[in-house]
């Protein structure tokens, strides 16, 4: 797997783009890096782009990641758009594992355009 962080200064969005096979260890490392980036900027909008990724995480690993995310103060009150392919729909268990879910505003999208519209509040 590889991941890359991009800054969309015009929309004030941080995008984490994943490619290849994504393992638990690699996803955890990327989240840690992303939190560091968020701490250095005032961008409360995030796109997690998983279109070119193949997730290879067990259900328990997904829950552990969700719980870890719940503990990251930099992610509280951030808006996060998950950009996925249509067949990538395993999100329900992760949502249930997020502690303080009311403080995490996230939504799944199949279109980058629609994700940006939602993140920036330009939804008609």
C-alpha atoms as a PDB file:
ATOM      1  CA  UNK A   1       0.000   0.000   0.000  1.00  0.00           C
ATOM      2  CA  UNK A   2       0.950   3.539  -0.389  1.00  0.00           C
ATOM      3  CA  UNK A   3      -0.779   6.613   0.841  1.00  0.00           C
ATOM      4  CA  UNK A   4      -0.315  10.236   0.022  1.00  0.00           C
ATOM      5  CA  UNK A   5      -1.657  13.358   1.655  1.00  0.00           C
ATOM      6  CA  UNK A   6      -2.710  16.243  -0.560  1.00  0.00           C
ATOM      7  CA  UNK A   7      -3.777  19.727   0.463  1.00  0.00           C
ATOM      8  CA  UNK A   8      -6.573  21.393  -1.483  1.00  0.00           C
ATOM      9  CA  UNK A   9      -5.953  24.942  -0.325  1.00  0.00           C
ATOM     10  CA  UNK A  10      -8.835  26.397  -2.358  1.00  0.00           C
ATOM     11  CA  UNK A  11     -11.404  24.213  -0.590  1.00  0.00           C
ATOM     12  CA  UNK A  12      -9.404  23.894   2.664  1.00  0.00           C
ATOM     13  CA  UNK A  13      -9.471  20.094   2.420  1.00  0.00           C
ATOM     14  CA  UNK A  14      -6.874  17.504   3.364  1.00  0.00           C
ATOM     15  CA  UNK A  15      -7.103  14.404   1.170  1.00  0.00           C
ATOM     16  CA  UNK A  16      -5.597  11.055   2.126  1.00  0.00           C
ATOM     17  CA  UNK A  17      -5.370   8.934  -1.006  1.00  0.00           C
ATOM     18  CA  UNK A  18      -4.705   5.194  -0.666  1.00  0.00           C
ATOM     19  CA  UNK A  19      -3.557   2.819  -3.393  1.00  0.00           C
ATOM     20  CA  UNK A  20      -2.958  -0.914  -3.401  1.00  0.00           C
ATOM     21  CA  UNK A  21      -3.505  -3.337  -0.543  1.00  0.00           C
ATOM     22  CA  UNK A  22      -4.230  -1.668   2.788  1.00  0.00           C
ATOM     23  CA  UNK A  23      -3.319  -3.575   5.952  1.00  0.00           C
ATOM     24  CA  UNK A  24      -4.100  -2.718   9.566  1.00  0.00           C
ATOM     25  CA  UNK A  25      -0.537  -1.577  10.302  1.00  0.00           C
ATOM     26  CA  UNK A  26      -0.367   0.627   7.223  1.00  0.00           C
ATOM     27  CA  UNK A  27      -3.790   2.168   7.880  1.00  0.00           C
ATOM     28  CA  UNK A  28      -2.828   2.913  11.495  1.00  0.00           C
ATOM     29  CA  UNK A  29       0.412   4.574  10.348  1.00  0.00           C
ATOM     30  CA  UNK A  30      -1.493   6.716   7.844  1.00  0.00           C
ATOM     31  CA  UNK A  31      -4.025   7.807  10.473  1.00  0.00           C
ATOM     32  CA  UNK A  32      -1.192   8.816  12.801  1.00  0.00           C
ATOM     33  CA  UNK A  33       0.431  10.846   9.999  1.00  0.00           C
ATOM     34  CA  UNK A  34      -2.910  12.427   9.124  1.00  0.00           C
ATOM     35  CA  UNK A  35      -3.534  13.493  12.705  1.00  0.00           C
ATOM     36  CA  UNK A  36      -0.101  15.150  12.749  1.00  0.00           C
ATOM     37  CA  UNK A  37      -0.961  17.042   9.557  1.00  0.00           C
ATOM     38  CA  UNK A  38      -4.302  18.127  11.014  1.00  0.00           C
ATOM     39  CA  UNK A  39      -2.612  19.402  14.165  1.00  0.00           C
ATOM     40  CA  UNK A  40      -0.437  21.684  12.002  1.00  0.00           C
ATOM     41  CA  UNK A  41      -3.344  23.130   9.981  1.00  0.00           C
ATOM     42  CA  UNK A  42      -6.793  24.484  10.494  1.00  0.00           C
ATOM     43  CA  UNK A  43      -8.434  22.300   7.858  1.00  0.00           C
ATOM     44  CA  UNK A  44     -11.433  20.597   9.461  1.00  0.00           C
ATOM     45  CA  UNK A  45     -12.377  18.904   6.160  1.00  0.00           C
ATOM     46  CA  UNK A  46     -10.974  15.539   5.128  1.00  0.00           C
ATOM     47  CA  UNK A  47     -11.387  13.240   2.129  1.00  0.00           C
ATOM     48  CA  UNK A  48     -10.307   9.642   2.663  1.00  0.00           C
ATOM     49  CA  UNK A  49      -9.932   8.428  -0.912  1.00  0.00           C
ATOM     50  CA  UNK A  50     -10.115   4.612  -1.031  1.00  0.00           C
ATOM     51  CA  UNK A  51     -11.040   4.222  -4.710  1.00  0.00           C
ATOM     52  CA  UNK A  52      -7.693   2.661  -5.701  1.00  0.00           C
ATOM     53  CA  UNK A  53      -7.303   0.705  -2.463  1.00  0.00           C
ATOM     54  CA  UNK A  54      -8.096  -2.853  -1.499  1.00  0.00           C
ATOM     55  CA  UNK A  55      -8.826  -3.066   2.209  1.00  0.00           C
ATOM     56  CA  UNK A  56      -7.473  -6.193   3.895  1.00  0.00           C
ATOM     57  CA  UNK A  57      -8.548  -5.673   7.473  1.00  0.00           C
ATOM     58  CA  UNK A  58     -10.347  -8.087   9.749  1.00  0.00           C
ATOM     59  CA  UNK A  59     -13.588  -6.979  11.398  1.00  0.00           C
ATOM     60  CA  UNK A  60     -11.718  -6.666  14.729  1.00  0.00           C
ATOM     61  CA  UNK A  61      -9.003  -4.535  13.124  1.00  0.00           C
ATOM     62  CA  UNK A  62     -11.652  -2.208  11.669  1.00  0.00           C
ATOM     63  CA  UNK A  63     -13.181  -1.787  15.113  1.00  0.00           C
ATOM     64  CA  UNK A  64      -9.759  -1.144  16.683  1.00  0.00           C
ATOM     65  CA  UNK A  65      -9.088   1.547  14.066  1.00  0.00           C
ATOM     66  CA  UNK A  66     -12.467   3.152  14.681  1.00  0.00           C
ATOM     67  CA  UNK A  67     -11.830   3.226  18.416  1.00  0.00           C
ATOM     68  CA  UNK A  68      -8.382   4.763  17.844  1.00  0.00           C
ATOM     69  CA  UNK A  69      -9.904   7.441  15.611  1.00  0.00           C
ATOM     70  CA  UNK A  70     -12.423   8.186  18.371  1.00  0.00           C
ATOM     71  CA  UNK A  71      -9.571   9.098  20.694  1.00  0.00           C
ATOM     72  CA  UNK A  72      -7.952  11.625  18.342  1.00  0.00           C
ATOM     73  CA  UNK A  73      -8.938  15.139  19.359  1.00  0.00           C
ATOM     74  CA  UNK A  74      -7.777  16.535  15.997  1.00  0.00           C
ATOM     75  CA  UNK A  75     -10.561  14.531  14.317  1.00  0.00           C
ATOM     76  CA  UNK A  76     -13.386  15.606  16.619  1.00  0.00           C
ATOM     77  CA  UNK A  77     -15.756  17.983  14.857  1.00  0.00           C
ATOM     78  CA  UNK A  78     -13.942  17.494  11.541  1.00  0.00           C
ATOM     79  CA  UNK A  79     -16.008  16.668   8.473  1.00  0.00           C
ATOM     80  CA  UNK A  80     -14.792  13.507   6.762  1.00  0.00           C
ATOM     81  CA  UNK A  81     -15.881  12.269   3.350  1.00  0.00           C
ATOM     82  CA  UNK A  82     -15.020   8.671   2.452  1.00  0.00           C
ATOM     83  CA  UNK A  83     -14.600   8.308  -1.304  1.00  0.00           C
ATOM     84  CA  UNK A  84     -15.107   4.663  -2.322  1.00  0.00           C
ATOM     85  CA  UNK A  85     -16.048   2.393  -5.209  1.00  0.00           C
ATOM     86  CA  UNK A  86     -19.619   1.086  -5.247  1.00  0.00           C
ATOM     87  CA  UNK A  87     -18.596  -2.382  -4.076  1.00  0.00           C
ATOM     88  CA  UNK A  88     -16.751  -1.030  -1.007  1.00  0.00           C
ATOM     89  CA  UNK A  89     -19.649  -0.890   1.444  1.00  0.00           C
ATOM     90  CA  UNK A  90     -18.399  -2.415   4.720  1.00  0.00           C
ATOM     91  CA  UNK A  91     -18.825   0.579   6.969  1.00  0.00           C
ATOM     92  CA  UNK A  92     -21.615  -0.260   9.418  1.00  0.00           C
ATOM     93  CA  UNK A  93     -19.447  -2.054  12.003  1.00  0.00           C
ATOM     94  CA  UNK A  94     -16.903   0.754  11.917  1.00  0.00           C
ATOM     95  CA  UNK A  95     -19.588   3.368  12.521  1.00  0.00           C
ATOM     96  CA  UNK A  96     -20.860   1.392  15.511  1.00  0.00           C
ATOM     97  CA  UNK A  97     -17.339   1.259  16.981  1.00  0.00           C
ATOM     98  CA  UNK A  98     -16.737   5.008  16.889  1.00  0.00           C
ATOM     99  CA  UNK A  99     -17.062   6.366  20.382  1.00  0.00           C
ATOM    100  CA  UNK A 100     -18.747   9.765  20.679  1.00  0.00           C
ATOM    101  CA  UNK A 101     -20.189   9.297  17.183  1.00  0.00           C
ATOM    102  CA  UNK A 102     -22.165  12.534  17.552  1.00  0.00           C
ATOM    103  CA  UNK A 103     -18.843  14.429  17.438  1.00  0.00           C
ATOM    104  CA  UNK A 104     -17.779  12.810  14.157  1.00  0.00           C
ATOM    105  CA  UNK A 105     -19.418  14.089  10.983  1.00  0.00           C
ATOM    106  CA  UNK A 106     -18.757  11.669   8.129  1.00  0.00           C
ATOM    107  CA  UNK A 107     -20.407  10.431   4.990  1.00  0.00           C
ATOM    108  CA  UNK A 108     -19.641   8.005   2.138  1.00  0.00           C
ATOM    109  CA  UNK A 109     -19.449   9.177  -1.468  1.00  0.00           C
ATOM    110  CA  UNK A 110     -18.879   7.586  -4.854  1.00  0.00           C
ATOM    111  CA  UNK A 111     -18.054  10.930  -6.501  1.00  0.00           C
ATOM    112  CA  UNK A 112     -15.222  13.304  -5.539  1.00  0.00           C
ATOM    113  CA  UNK A 113     -17.285  16.251  -6.776  1.00  0.00           C
ATOM    114  CA  UNK A 114     -20.175  15.335  -4.457  1.00  0.00           C
ATOM    115  CA  UNK A 115     -17.768  14.823  -1.547  1.00  0.00           C
ATOM    116  CA  UNK A 116     -16.308  18.300  -2.019  1.00  0.00           C
ATOM    117  CA  UNK A 117     -19.786  19.811  -2.337  1.00  0.00           C
ATOM    118  CA  UNK A 118     -20.808  18.238   0.987  1.00  0.00           C
ATOM    119  CA  UNK A 119     -17.563  19.173   2.744  1.00  0.00           C
ATOM    120  CA  UNK A 120     -17.766  22.804   1.688  1.00  0.00           C
ATOM    121  CA  UNK A 121     -21.498  23.157   2.310  1.00  0.00           C
ATOM    122  CA  UNK A 122     -22.280  23.906  -1.337  1.00  0.00           C
ATOM    123  CA  UNK A 123     -24.904  21.187  -1.634  1.00  0.00           C
ATOM    124  CA  UNK A 124     -27.930  22.529  -3.479  1.00  0.00           C
END
